[in-house]
Amino acid sequence: YIEGQLMKPATFLIAAMLLGGCAHSLSGEEGLMKAIEGSVSLPKEAAPFGRYRRHYTWAKDDPDTVMAVYALGGKPKRLWLPEDEMPIVLDGGCTVVTFRYHLKSKLISDLRCN
């Protein structure tokens, strides 16, 4: 179902074959963001979780790792972005929290306030 129209079976089959070869899917990324948010504990100095705009991307150096940047400002929500669109903040204390989530181990590493 795309924008109010049913997909034709052939179109669906082609899309399924193309996506089947991808390591990650958009629906999988939505579920992954929810899983990460359910497992992360922010530093005690950080603001309440619900105030952060949450940015995620695949780590280029490890296809089984998600990089996350939580930043105050803007409407709080979750976003999956290409790595080159991730926010870069060199300072900011706990207005920005960064970490990595490892898919295989389901562990969080490098959790820190900027």
PDB file of N, CA and C in Angstrom:
ATOM      1  N   TYR A   1       0.848  -1.184   0.000  1.00  0.00           N
ATOM      2  CA  TYR A   1       0.000   0.000   0.000  1.00  0.00           C
ATOM      3  C   TYR A   1       0.880   1.229   0.000  1.00  0.00           C
ATOM      4  N   ILE A   2       0.835   2.014  -1.046  1.00  0.00           N
ATOM      5  CA  ILE A   2       1.667   3.216  -1.144  1.00  0.00           C
ATOM      6  C   ILE A   2       0.781   4.387  -1.508  1.00  0.00           C
ATOM      7  N   GLU A   3       0.758   5.406  -0.649  1.00  0.00           N
ATOM      8  CA  GLU A   3       0.015   6.637  -0.877  1.00  0.00           C
ATOM      9  C   GLU A   3      -1.386   6.380  -1.410  1.00  0.00           C
ATOM     10  N   GLY A   4      -2.135   5.529  -0.707  1.00  0.00           N
ATOM     11  CA  GLY A   4      -3.526   5.317  -1.048  1.00  0.00           C
ATOM     12  C   GLY A   4      -3.757   4.364  -2.207  1.00  0.00           C
ATOM     13  N   GLN A   5      -2.721   3.753  -2.758  1.00  0.00           N
ATOM     14  CA  GLN A   5      -2.898   2.852  -3.889  1.00  0.00           C
ATOM     15  C   GLN A   5      -2.305   1.497  -3.536  1.00  0.00           C
ATOM     16  N   LEU A   6      -2.951   0.451  -3.985  1.00  0.00           N
ATOM     17  CA  LEU A   6      -2.407  -0.881  -3.784  1.00  0.00           C
ATOM     18  C   LEU A   6      -1.235  -1.089  -4.730  1.00  0.00           C
ATOM     19  N   MET A   7      -0.204  -1.737  -4.222  1.00  0.00           N
ATOM     20  CA  MET A   7       0.930  -2.055  -5.083  1.00  0.00           C
ATOM     21  C   MET A   7       0.560  -3.222  -5.984  1.00  0.00           C
ATOM     22  N   LYS A   8       0.989  -3.210  -7.219  1.00  0.00           N
ATOM     23  CA  LYS A   8       0.775  -4.335  -8.120  1.00  0.00           C
ATOM     24  C   LYS A   8       1.688  -5.470  -7.662  1.00  0.00           C
ATOM     25  N   PRO A   9       1.255  -6.721  -7.801  1.00  0.00           N
ATOM     26  CA  PRO A   9       2.073  -7.850  -7.339  1.00  0.00           C
ATOM     27  C   PRO A   9       3.485  -7.846  -7.907  1.00  0.00           C
ATOM     28  N   ALA A  10       3.657  -7.527  -9.186  1.00  0.00           N
ATOM     29  CA  ALA A  10       4.994  -7.533  -9.785  1.00  0.00           C
ATOM     30  C   ALA A  10       5.869  -6.463  -9.156  1.00  0.00           C
ATOM     31  N   THR A  11       5.295  -5.284  -8.912  1.00  0.00           N
ATOM     32  CA  THR A  11       6.051  -4.212  -8.288  1.00  0.00           C
ATOM     33  C   THR A  11       6.471  -4.620  -6.883  1.00  0.00           C
ATOM     34  N   PHE A  12       5.550  -5.242  -6.151  1.00  0.00           N
ATOM     35  CA  PHE A  12       5.853  -5.687  -4.796  1.00  0.00           C
ATOM     36  C   PHE A  12       6.966  -6.724  -4.816  1.00  0.00           C
ATOM     37  N   LEU A  13       6.904  -7.675  -5.758  1.00  0.00           N
ATOM     38  CA  LEU A  13       7.911  -8.719  -5.851  1.00  0.00           C
ATOM     39  C   LEU A  13       9.284  -8.126  -6.136  1.00  0.00           C
ATOM     40  N   ILE A  14       9.361  -7.175  -7.047  1.00  0.00           N
ATOM     41  CA  ILE A  14      10.640  -6.534  -7.365  1.00  0.00           C
ATOM     42  C   ILE A  14      11.172  -5.795  -6.147  1.00  0.00           C
ATOM     43  N   ALA A  15      10.308  -5.044  -5.474  1.00  0.00           N
ATOM     44  CA  ALA A  15      10.735  -4.312  -4.279  1.00  0.00           C
ATOM     45  C   ALA A  15      11.211  -5.272  -3.201  1.00  0.00           C
ATOM     46  N   ALA A  16      10.516  -6.373  -3.002  1.00  0.00           N
ATOM     47  CA  ALA A  16      10.905  -7.349  -1.988  1.00  0.00           C
ATOM     48  C   ALA A  16      12.256  -7.971  -2.320  1.00  0.00           C
ATOM     49  N   MET A  17      12.497  -8.254  -3.615  1.00  0.00           N
ATOM     50  CA  MET A  17      13.779  -8.834  -3.999  1.00  0.00           C
ATOM     51  C   MET A  17      14.907  -7.838  -3.780  1.00  0.00           C
ATOM     52  N   LEU A  18      14.674  -6.580  -4.119  1.00  0.00           N
ATOM     53  CA  LEU A  18      15.712  -5.571  -3.926  1.00  0.00           C
ATOM     54  C   LEU A  18      16.010  -5.359  -2.449  1.00  0.00           C
ATOM     55  N   LEU A  19      14.974  -5.256  -1.637  1.00  0.00           N
ATOM     56  CA  LEU A  19      15.170  -5.052  -0.210  1.00  0.00           C
ATOM     57  C   LEU A  19      15.721  -6.289   0.473  1.00  0.00           C
ATOM     58  N   GLY A  20      15.436  -7.445  -0.062  1.00  0.00           N
ATOM     59  CA  GLY A  20      15.937  -8.671   0.534  1.00  0.00           C
ATOM     60  C   GLY A  20      17.450  -8.720   0.550  1.00  0.00           C
ATOM     61  N   GLY A  21      18.089  -8.057  -0.402  1.00  0.00           N
ATOM     62  CA  GLY A  21      19.538  -8.038  -0.444  1.00  0.00           C
ATOM     63  C   GLY A  21      20.159  -6.986   0.435  1.00  0.00           C
ATOM     64  N   CYS A  22      19.347  -6.106   0.996  1.00  0.00           N
ATOM     65  CA  CYS A  22      19.876  -5.053   1.851  1.00  0.00           C
ATOM     66  C   CYS A  22      20.135  -5.592   3.247  1.00  0.00           C
ATOM     67  N   ALA A  23      21.178  -5.117   3.877  1.00  0.00           N
ATOM     68  CA  ALA A  23      21.500  -5.554   5.227  1.00  0.00           C
ATOM     69  C   ALA A  23      20.497  -5.006   6.228  1.00  0.00           C
ATOM     70  N   HIS A  24      19.906  -3.844   5.950  1.00  0.00           N
ATOM     71  CA  HIS A  24      19.019  -3.195   6.900  1.00  0.00           C
ATOM     72  C   HIS A  24      17.811  -2.643   6.153  1.00  0.00           C
ATOM     73  N   SER A  25      16.655  -2.650   6.795  1.00  0.00           N
ATOM     74  CA  SER A  25      15.454  -2.112   6.175  1.00  0.00           C
ATOM     75  C   SER A  25      14.910  -0.972   7.018  1.00  0.00           C
ATOM     76  N   LEU A  26      14.088  -0.122   6.393  1.00  0.00           N
ATOM     77  CA  LEU A  26      13.529   1.011   7.122  1.00  0.00           C
ATOM     78  C   LEU A  26      12.626   0.560   8.253  1.00  0.00           C
ATOM     79  N   SER A  27      11.794  -0.459   8.030  1.00  0.00           N
ATOM     80  CA  SER A  27      10.941  -0.932   9.118  1.00  0.00           C
ATOM     81  C   SER A  27      11.796  -1.523  10.223  1.00  0.00           C
ATOM     82  N   GLY A  28      12.889  -2.168   9.853  1.00  0.00           N
ATOM     83  CA  GLY A  28      13.817  -2.696  10.851  1.00  0.00           C
ATOM     84  C   GLY A  28      14.486  -1.586  11.637  1.00  0.00           C
ATOM     85  N   GLU A  29      14.759  -0.484  10.966  1.00  0.00           N
ATOM     86  CA  GLU A  29      15.392   0.646  11.648  1.00  0.00           C
ATOM     87  C   GLU A  29      14.439   1.276  12.656  1.00  0.00           C
ATOM     88  N   GLU A  30      13.155   1.350  12.335  1.00  0.00           N
ATOM     89  CA  GLU A  30      12.176   1.890  13.282  1.00  0.00           C
ATOM     90  C   GLU A  30      12.127   1.023  14.536  1.00  0.00           C
ATOM     91  N   GLY A  31      12.061  -0.282  14.344  1.00  0.00           N
ATOM     92  CA  GLY A  31      12.061  -1.198  15.483  1.00  0.00           C
ATOM     93  C   GLY A  31      13.347  -1.127  16.268  1.00  0.00           C
ATOM     94  N   LEU A  32      14.454  -0.963  15.562  1.00  0.00           N
ATOM     95  CA  LEU A  32      15.756  -0.857  16.212  1.00  0.00           C
ATOM     96  C   LEU A  32      15.837   0.401  17.070  1.00  0.00           C
ATOM     97  N   MET A  33      15.335   1.517  16.557  1.00  0.00           N
ATOM     98  CA  MET A  33      15.339   2.755  17.346  1.00  0.00           C
ATOM     99  C   MET A  33      14.529   2.565  18.624  1.00  0.00           C
ATOM    100  N   LYS A  34      13.385   1.914  18.523  1.00  0.00           N
ATOM    101  CA  LYS A  34      12.562   1.649  19.710  1.00  0.00           C
ATOM    102  C   LYS A  34      13.308   0.766  20.699  1.00  0.00           C
ATOM    103  N   ALA A  35      13.984  -0.269  20.190  1.00  0.00           N
ATOM    104  CA  ALA A  35      14.736  -1.177  21.063  1.00  0.00           C
ATOM    105  C   ALA A  35      15.870  -0.436  21.771  1.00  0.00           C
ATOM    106  N   ILE A  36      16.584   0.398  21.032  1.00  0.00           N
ATOM    107  CA  ILE A  36      17.682   1.165  21.626  1.00  0.00           C
ATOM    108  C   ILE A  36      17.137   2.080  22.713  1.00  0.00           C
ATOM    109  N   GLU A  37      16.064   2.774  22.405  1.00  0.00           N
ATOM    110  CA  GLU A  37      15.484   3.714  23.367  1.00  0.00           C
ATOM    111  C   GLU A  37      14.964   2.997  24.611  1.00  0.00           C
ATOM    112  N   GLY A  38      14.596   1.744  24.461  1.00  0.00           N
ATOM    113  CA  GLY A  38      14.145   0.974  25.608  1.00  0.00           C
ATOM    114  C   GLY A  38      15.274   0.445  26.463  1.00  0.00           C
ATOM    115  N   SER A  39      16.503   0.482  25.936  1.00  0.00           N
ATOM    116  CA  SER A  39      17.622  -0.079  26.679  1.00  0.00           C
ATOM    117  C   SER A  39      18.649   0.943  27.147  1.00  0.00           C
ATOM    118  N   VAL A  40      18.621   2.150  26.604  1.00  0.00           N
ATOM    119  CA  VAL A  40      19.644   3.138  26.970  1.00  0.00           C
ATOM    120  C   VAL A  40      19.300   3.821  28.293  1.00  0.00           C
ATOM    121  N   SER A  41      20.307   4.015  29.107  1.00  0.00           N
ATOM    122  CA  SER A  41      20.186   4.809  30.333  1.00  0.00           C
ATOM    123  C   SER A  41      21.110   6.002  30.172  1.00  0.00           C
ATOM    124  N   LEU A  42      20.544   7.182  30.122  1.00  0.00           N
ATOM    125  CA  LEU A  42      21.347   8.391  29.911  1.00  0.00           C
ATOM    126  C   LEU A  42      22.175   8.702  31.151  1.00  0.00           C
ATOM    127  N   PRO A  43      23.274   9.434  30.960  1.00  0.00           N
ATOM    128  CA  PRO A  43      24.080   9.842  32.121  1.00  0.00           C
ATOM    129  C   PRO A  43      23.225  10.636  33.110  1.00  0.00           C
ATOM    130  N   LYS A  44      23.587  10.579  34.389  1.00  0.00           N
ATOM    131  CA  LYS A  44      22.780  11.259  35.412  1.00  0.00           C
ATOM    132  C   LYS A  44      22.735  12.764  35.200  1.00  0.00           C
ATOM    133  N   GLU A  45      23.717  13.327  34.516  1.00  0.00           N
ATOM    134  CA  GLU A  45      23.753  14.763  34.251  1.00  0.00           C
ATOM    135  C   GLU A  45      22.845  15.178  33.098  1.00  0.00           C
ATOM    136  N   ALA A  46      22.368  14.200  32.342  1.00  0.00           N
ATOM    137  CA  ALA A  46      21.562  14.477  31.146  1.00  0.00           C
ATOM    138  C   ALA A  46      20.159  14.947  31.523  1.00  0.00           C
ATOM    139  N   ALA A  47      19.517  15.595  30.554  1.00  0.00           N
ATOM    140  CA  ALA A  47      18.116  16.008  30.707  1.00  0.00           C
ATOM    141  C   ALA A  47      17.235  14.759  30.627  1.00  0.00           C
ATOM    142  N   PRO A  48      15.962  14.864  30.987  1.00  0.00           N
ATOM    143  CA  PRO A  48      15.066  13.720  30.824  1.00  0.00           C
ATOM    144  C   PRO A  48      15.020  13.257  29.359  1.00  0.00           C
ATOM    145  N   PHE A  49      14.961  11.965  29.172  1.00  0.00           N
ATOM    146  CA  PHE A  49      15.000  11.340  27.845  1.00  0.00           C
ATOM    147  C   PHE A  49      14.037  11.991  26.851  1.00  0.00           C
ATOM    148  N   GLY A  50      12.817  12.256  27.271  1.00  0.00           N
ATOM    149  CA  GLY A  50      11.784  12.770  26.384  1.00  0.00           C
ATOM    150  C   GLY A  50      12.020  14.163  25.845  1.00  0.00           C
ATOM    151  N   ARG A  51      13.043  14.854  26.317  1.00  0.00           N
ATOM    152  CA  ARG A  51      13.338  16.197  25.813  1.00  0.00           C
ATOM    153  C   ARG A  51      14.309  16.185  24.630  1.00  0.00           C
ATOM    154  N   TYR A  52      14.918  15.040  24.357  1.00  0.00           N
ATOM    155  CA  TYR A  52      15.937  14.965  23.306  1.00  0.00           C
ATOM    156  C   TYR A  52      15.349  14.640  21.941  1.00  0.00           C
ATOM    157  N   ARG A  53      15.951  15.257  20.933  1.00  0.00           N
ATOM    158  CA  ARG A  53      15.727  14.876  19.539  1.00  0.00           C
ATOM    159  C   ARG A  53      16.763  13.780  19.298  1.00  0.00           C
ATOM    160  N   ARG A  54      16.319  12.581  18.882  1.00  0.00           N
ATOM    161  CA  ARG A  54      17.189  11.419  18.844  1.00  0.00           C
ATOM    162  C   ARG A  54      17.532  11.055  17.399  1.00  0.00           C
ATOM    163  N   HIS A  55      18.818  11.118  17.069  1.00  0.00           N
ATOM    164  CA  HIS A  55      19.314  10.877  15.708  1.00  0.00           C
ATOM    165  C   HIS A  55      20.087   9.552  15.685  1.00  0.00           C
ATOM    166  N   TYR A  56      19.847   8.752  14.652  1.00  0.00           N
ATOM    167  CA  TYR A  56      20.506   7.455  14.515  1.00  0.00           C
ATOM    168  C   TYR A  56      21.024   7.289  13.090  1.00  0.00           C
ATOM    169  N   THR A  57      22.121   6.519  12.970  1.00  0.00           N
ATOM    170  CA  THR A  57      22.659   6.160  11.658  1.00  0.00           C
ATOM    171  C   THR A  57      23.479   4.890  11.792  1.00  0.00           C
ATOM    172  N   TRP A  58      23.711   4.200  10.667  1.00  0.00           N
ATOM    173  CA  TRP A  58      24.605   3.042  10.692  1.00  0.00           C
ATOM    174  C   TRP A  58      26.038   3.535  10.758  1.00  0.00           C
ATOM    175  N   ALA A  59      26.854   2.903  11.570  1.00  0.00           N
ATOM    176  CA  ALA A  59      28.271   3.249  11.662  1.00  0.00           C
ATOM    177  C   ALA A  59      28.978   2.741  10.410  1.00  0.00           C
ATOM    178  N   LYS A  60      29.730   3.610   9.760  1.00  0.00           N
ATOM    179  CA  LYS A  60      30.436   3.204   8.541  1.00  0.00           C
ATOM    180  C   LYS A  60      31.543   2.199   8.844  1.00  0.00           C
ATOM    181  N   ASP A  61      32.128   2.290  10.038  1.00  0.00           N
ATOM    182  CA  ASP A  61      33.244   1.412  10.370  1.00  0.00           C
ATOM    183  C   ASP A  61      32.799   0.035  10.865  1.00  0.00           C
ATOM    184  N   ASP A  62      31.487  -0.150  11.095  1.00  0.00           N
ATOM    185  CA  ASP A  62      30.975  -1.440  11.572  1.00  0.00           C
ATOM    186  C   ASP A  62      29.504  -1.554  11.198  1.00  0.00           C
ATOM    187  N   PRO A  63      29.157  -2.382  10.214  1.00  0.00           N
ATOM    188  CA  PRO A  63      27.776  -2.471   9.745  1.00  0.00           C
ATOM    189  C   PRO A  63      26.800  -3.028  10.778  1.00  0.00           C
ATOM    190  N   ASP A  64      27.305  -3.562  11.880  1.00  0.00           N
ATOM    191  CA  ASP A  64      26.447  -4.081  12.945  1.00  0.00           C
ATOM    192  C   ASP A  64      26.373  -3.125  14.131  1.00  0.00           C
ATOM    193  N   THR A  65      26.674  -1.860  13.888  1.00  0.00           N
ATOM    194  CA  THR A  65      26.664  -0.866  14.962  1.00  0.00           C
ATOM    195  C   THR A  65      25.880   0.365  14.518  1.00  0.00           C
ATOM    196  N   VAL A  66      25.085   0.876  15.435  1.00  0.00           N
ATOM    197  CA  VAL A  66      24.321   2.103  15.220  1.00  0.00           C
ATOM    198  C   VAL A  66      24.986   3.218  16.017  1.00  0.00           C
ATOM    199  N   MET A  67      25.166   4.359  15.404  1.00  0.00           N
ATOM    200  CA  MET A  67      25.649   5.543  16.107  1.00  0.00           C
ATOM    201  C   MET A  67      24.433   6.390  16.456  1.00  0.00           C
ATOM    202  N   ALA A  68      24.425   6.942  17.663  1.00  0.00           N
ATOM    203  CA  ALA A  68      23.295   7.750  18.108  1.00  0.00           C
ATOM    204  C   ALA A  68      23.780   9.084  18.647  1.00  0.00           C
ATOM    205  N   VAL A  69      23.036  10.129  18.338  1.00  0.00           N
ATOM    206  CA  VAL A  69      23.278  11.465  18.883  1.00  0.00           C
ATOM    207  C   VAL A  69      21.932  11.977  19.378  1.00  0.00           C
ATOM    208  N   TYR A  70      21.841  12.232  20.672  1.00  0.00           N
ATOM    209  CA  TYR A  70      20.646  12.821  21.266  1.00  0.00           C
ATOM    210  C   TYR A  70      20.972  14.281  21.548  1.00  0.00           C
ATOM    211  N   ALA A  71      20.148  15.185  21.045  1.00  0.00           N
ATOM    212  CA  ALA A  71      20.427  16.612  21.200  1.00  0.00           C
ATOM    213  C   ALA A  71      19.179  17.357  21.660  1.00  0.00           C
ATOM    214  N   LEU A  72      19.379  18.287  22.583  1.00  0.00           N
ATOM    215  CA  LEU A  72      18.286  19.151  23.013  1.00  0.00           C
ATOM    216  C   LEU A  72      18.085  20.228  21.968  1.00  0.00           C
ATOM    217  N   GLY A  73      16.868  20.676  21.812  1.00  0.00           N
ATOM    218  CA  GLY A  73      16.549  21.692  20.804  1.00  0.00           C
ATOM    219  C   GLY A  73      15.714  21.071  19.704  1.00  0.00           C
ATOM    220  N   GLY A  74      14.747  21.809  19.258  1.00  0.00           N
ATOM    221  CA  GLY A  74      13.837  21.261  18.260  1.00  0.00           C
ATOM    222  C   GLY A  74      12.821  20.363  18.923  1.00  0.00           C
ATOM    223  N   LYS A  75      11.871  19.905  18.135  1.00  0.00           N
ATOM    224  CA  LYS A  75      10.816  19.028  18.654  1.00  0.00           C
ATOM    225  C   LYS A  75      11.410  17.656  18.976  1.00  0.00           C
ATOM    226  N   PRO A  76      11.199  17.157  20.198  1.00  0.00           N
ATOM    227  CA  PRO A  76      11.721  15.826  20.535  1.00  0.00           C
ATOM    228  C   PRO A  76      11.074  14.759  19.644  1.00  0.00           C
ATOM    229  N   LYS A  77      11.890  13.979  18.969  1.00  0.00           N
ATOM    230  CA  LYS A  77      11.431  12.865  18.147  1.00  0.00           C
ATOM    231  C   LYS A  77      12.626  12.046  17.749  1.00  0.00           C
ATOM    232  N   ARG A  78      12.377  10.907  17.090  1.00  0.00           N
ATOM    233  CA  ARG A  78      13.480  10.063  16.632  1.00  0.00           C
ATOM    234  C   ARG A  78      13.607  10.187  15.120  1.00  0.00           C
ATOM    235  N   LEU A  79      14.850  10.181  14.648  1.00  0.00           N
ATOM    236  CA  LEU A  79      15.137  10.312  13.216  1.00  0.00           C
ATOM    237  C   LEU A  79      16.213   9.323  12.810  1.00  0.00           C
ATOM    238  N   TRP A  80      16.030   8.665  11.681  1.00  0.00           N
ATOM    239  CA  TRP A  80      17.084   7.844  11.093  1.00  0.00           C
ATOM    240  C   TRP A  80      17.650   8.649   9.938  1.00  0.00           C
ATOM    241  N   LEU A  81      18.951   8.920   9.967  1.00  0.00           N
ATOM    242  CA  LEU A  81      19.574   9.795   8.983  1.00  0.00           C
ATOM    243  C   LEU A  81      20.773   9.141   8.322  1.00  0.00           C
ATOM    244  N   PRO A  82      21.122   9.590   7.116  1.00  0.00           N
ATOM    245  CA  PRO A  82      22.420   9.204   6.558  1.00  0.00           C
ATOM    246  C   PRO A  82      23.511   9.790   7.454  1.00  0.00           C
ATOM    247  N   GLU A  83      24.659   9.121   7.525  1.00  0.00           N
ATOM    248  CA  GLU A  83      25.717   9.555   8.440  1.00  0.00           C
ATOM    249  C   GLU A  83      26.124  11.011   8.200  1.00  0.00           C
ATOM    250  N   ASP A  84      26.154  11.451   6.938  1.00  0.00           N
ATOM    251  CA  ASP A  84      26.590  12.816   6.654  1.00  0.00           C
ATOM    252  C   ASP A  84      25.570  13.875   7.064  1.00  0.00           C
ATOM    253  N   GLU A  85      24.378  13.461   7.519  1.00  0.00           N
ATOM    254  CA  GLU A  85      23.376  14.405   8.000  1.00  0.00           C
ATOM    255  C   GLU A  85      23.240  14.397   9.525  1.00  0.00           C
ATOM    256  N   MET A  86      24.069  13.596  10.182  1.00  0.00           N
ATOM    257  CA  MET A  86      24.018  13.543  11.641  1.00  0.00           C
ATOM    258  C   MET A  86      24.543  14.854  12.215  1.00  0.00           C
ATOM    259  N   PRO A  87      23.949  15.299  13.344  1.00  0.00           N
ATOM    260  CA  PRO A  87      24.454  16.529  13.964  1.00  0.00           C
ATOM    261  C   PRO A  87      25.873  16.328  14.488  1.00  0.00           C
ATOM    262  N   ILE A  88      26.679  17.355  14.332  1.00  0.00           N
ATOM    263  CA  ILE A  88      28.044  17.339  14.857  1.00  0.00           C
ATOM    264  C   ILE A  88      28.150  18.468  15.868  1.00  0.00           C
ATOM    265  N   VAL A  89      28.429  18.099  17.094  1.00  0.00           N
ATOM    266  CA  VAL A  89      28.556  19.085  18.161  1.00  0.00           C
ATOM    267  C   VAL A  89      29.861  18.807  18.876  1.00  0.00           C
ATOM    268  N   LEU A  90      30.715  19.820  18.975  1.00  0.00           N
ATOM    269  CA  LEU A  90      32.012  19.632  19.598  1.00  0.00           C
ATOM    270  C   LEU A  90      32.003  19.939  21.085  1.00  0.00           C
ATOM    271  N   ASP A  91      30.966  20.523  21.569  1.00  0.00           N
ATOM    272  CA  ASP A  91      30.851  20.867  22.975  1.00  0.00           C
ATOM    273  C   ASP A  91      29.376  20.745  23.331  1.00  0.00           C
ATOM    274  N   GLY A  92      28.974  21.239  24.432  1.00  0.00           N
ATOM    275  CA  GLY A  92      27.554  21.251  24.743  1.00  0.00           C
ATOM    276  C   GLY A  92      27.177  20.521  26.010  1.00  0.00           C
ATOM    277  N   GLY A  93      28.173  19.907  26.674  1.00  0.00           N
ATOM    278  CA  GLY A  93      27.829  19.199  27.896  1.00  0.00           C
ATOM    279  C   GLY A  93      26.771  18.146  27.616  1.00  0.00           C
ATOM    280  N   CYS A  94      25.798  18.035  28.506  1.00  0.00           N
ATOM    281  CA  CYS A  94      24.750  17.023  28.326  1.00  0.00           C
ATOM    282  C   CYS A  94      23.568  17.527  27.513  1.00  0.00           C
ATOM    283  N   THR A  95      23.737  18.670  26.820  1.00  0.00           N
ATOM    284  CA  THR A  95      22.706  19.025  25.848  1.00  0.00           C
ATOM    285  C   THR A  95      22.819  18.090  24.650  1.00  0.00           C
ATOM    286  N   VAL A  96      23.971  17.388  24.548  1.00  0.00           N
ATOM    287  CA  VAL A  96      24.184  16.389  23.501  1.00  0.00           C
ATOM    288  C   VAL A  96      24.768  15.137  24.155  1.00  0.00           C
ATOM    289  N   VAL A  97      24.142  13.992  23.896  1.00  0.00           N
ATOM    290  CA  VAL A  97      24.607  12.702  24.398  1.00  0.00           C
ATOM    291  C   VAL A  97      24.861  11.813  23.187  1.00  0.00           C
ATOM    292  N   THR A  98      26.020  11.168  23.136  1.00  0.00           N
ATOM    293  CA  THR A  98      26.347  10.284  22.023  1.00  0.00           C
ATOM    294  C   THR A  98      26.665   8.889  22.549  1.00  0.00           C
ATOM    295  N   PHE A  99      26.412   7.881  21.708  1.00  0.00           N
ATOM    296  CA  PHE A  99      26.774   6.507  22.059  1.00  0.00           C
ATOM    297  C   PHE A  99      26.683   5.632  20.820  1.00  0.00           C
ATOM    298  N   ARG A 100      27.158   4.395  20.979  1.00  0.00           N
ATOM    299  CA  ARG A 100      27.085   3.386  19.920  1.00  0.00           C
ATOM    300  C   ARG A 100      26.298   2.201  20.459  1.00  0.00           C
ATOM    301  N   TYR A 101      25.459   1.598  19.601  1.00  0.00           N
ATOM    302  CA  TYR A 101      24.670   0.418  19.966  1.00  0.00           C
ATOM    303  C   TYR A 101      25.105  -0.717  19.057  1.00  0.00           C
ATOM    304  N   HIS A 102      25.507  -1.844  19.662  1.00  0.00           N
ATOM    305  CA  HIS A 102      26.011  -2.988  18.905  1.00  0.00           C
ATOM    306  C   HIS A 102      24.901  -4.031  18.757  1.00  0.00           C
ATOM    307  N   LEU A 103      24.519  -4.296  17.515  1.00  0.00           N
ATOM    308  CA  LEU A 103      23.390  -5.179  17.226  1.00  0.00           C
ATOM    309  C   LEU A 103      23.575  -6.594  17.767  1.00  0.00           C
ATOM    310  N   LYS A 104      24.727  -7.189  17.525  1.00  0.00           N
ATOM    311  CA  LYS A 104      24.922  -8.589  17.911  1.00  0.00           C
ATOM    312  C   LYS A 104      24.862  -8.773  19.420  1.00  0.00           C
ATOM    313  N   SER A 105      25.513  -7.909  20.161  1.00  0.00           N
ATOM    314  CA  SER A 105      25.550  -8.045  21.619  1.00  0.00           C
ATOM    315  C   SER A 105      24.425  -7.287  22.313  1.00  0.00           C
ATOM    316  N   LYS A 106      23.767  -6.382  21.560  1.00  0.00           N
ATOM    317  CA  LYS A 106      22.725  -5.515  22.112  1.00  0.00           C
ATOM    318  C   LYS A 106      23.243  -4.690  23.291  1.00  0.00           C
ATOM    319  N   LEU A 107      24.514  -4.303  23.186  1.00  0.00           N
ATOM    320  CA  LEU A 107      25.143  -3.497  24.221  1.00  0.00           C
ATOM    321  C   LEU A 107      25.410  -2.084  23.718  1.00  0.00           C
ATOM    322  N   ILE A 108      25.410  -1.163  24.638  1.00  0.00           N
ATOM    323  CA  ILE A 108      25.701   0.234  24.344  1.00  0.00           C
ATOM    324  C   ILE A 108      27.121   0.523  24.796  1.00  0.00           C
ATOM    325  N   SER A 109      27.873   1.252  23.979  1.00  0.00           N
ATOM    326  CA  SER A 109      29.243   1.624  24.348  1.00  0.00           C
ATOM    327  C   SER A 109      29.456   3.108  24.044  1.00  0.00           C
ATOM    328  N   ASP A 110      30.511   3.644  24.571  1.00  0.00           N
ATOM    329  CA  ASP A 110      30.927   5.026  24.323  1.00  0.00           C
ATOM    330  C   ASP A 110      29.833   6.036  24.669  1.00  0.00           C
ATOM    331  N   LEU A 111      29.025   5.741  25.678  1.00  0.00           N
ATOM    332  CA  LEU A 111      27.960   6.646  26.111  1.00  0.00           C
ATOM    333  C   LEU A 111      28.578   7.813  26.861  1.00  0.00           C
ATOM    334  N   ARG A 112      28.314   9.041  26.364  1.00  0.00           N
ATOM    335  CA  ARG A 112      28.904  10.215  27.021  1.00  0.00           C
ATOM    336  C   ARG A 112      28.163  11.490  26.652  1.00  0.00           C
ATOM    337  N   CYS A 113      28.273  12.447  27.541  1.00  0.00           N
ATOM    338  CA  CYS A 113      27.838  13.796  27.225  1.00  0.00           C
ATOM    339  C   CYS A 113      28.979  14.464  26.479  1.00  0.00           C
ATOM    340  N   ASN A 114      28.652  15.336  25.545  1.00  0.00           N
ATOM    341  CA  ASN A 114      29.717  16.038  24.823  1.00  0.00           C
ATOM    342  C   ASN A 114      30.349  17.055  25.739  1.00  0.00           C
TER     343      ASN A 114
END
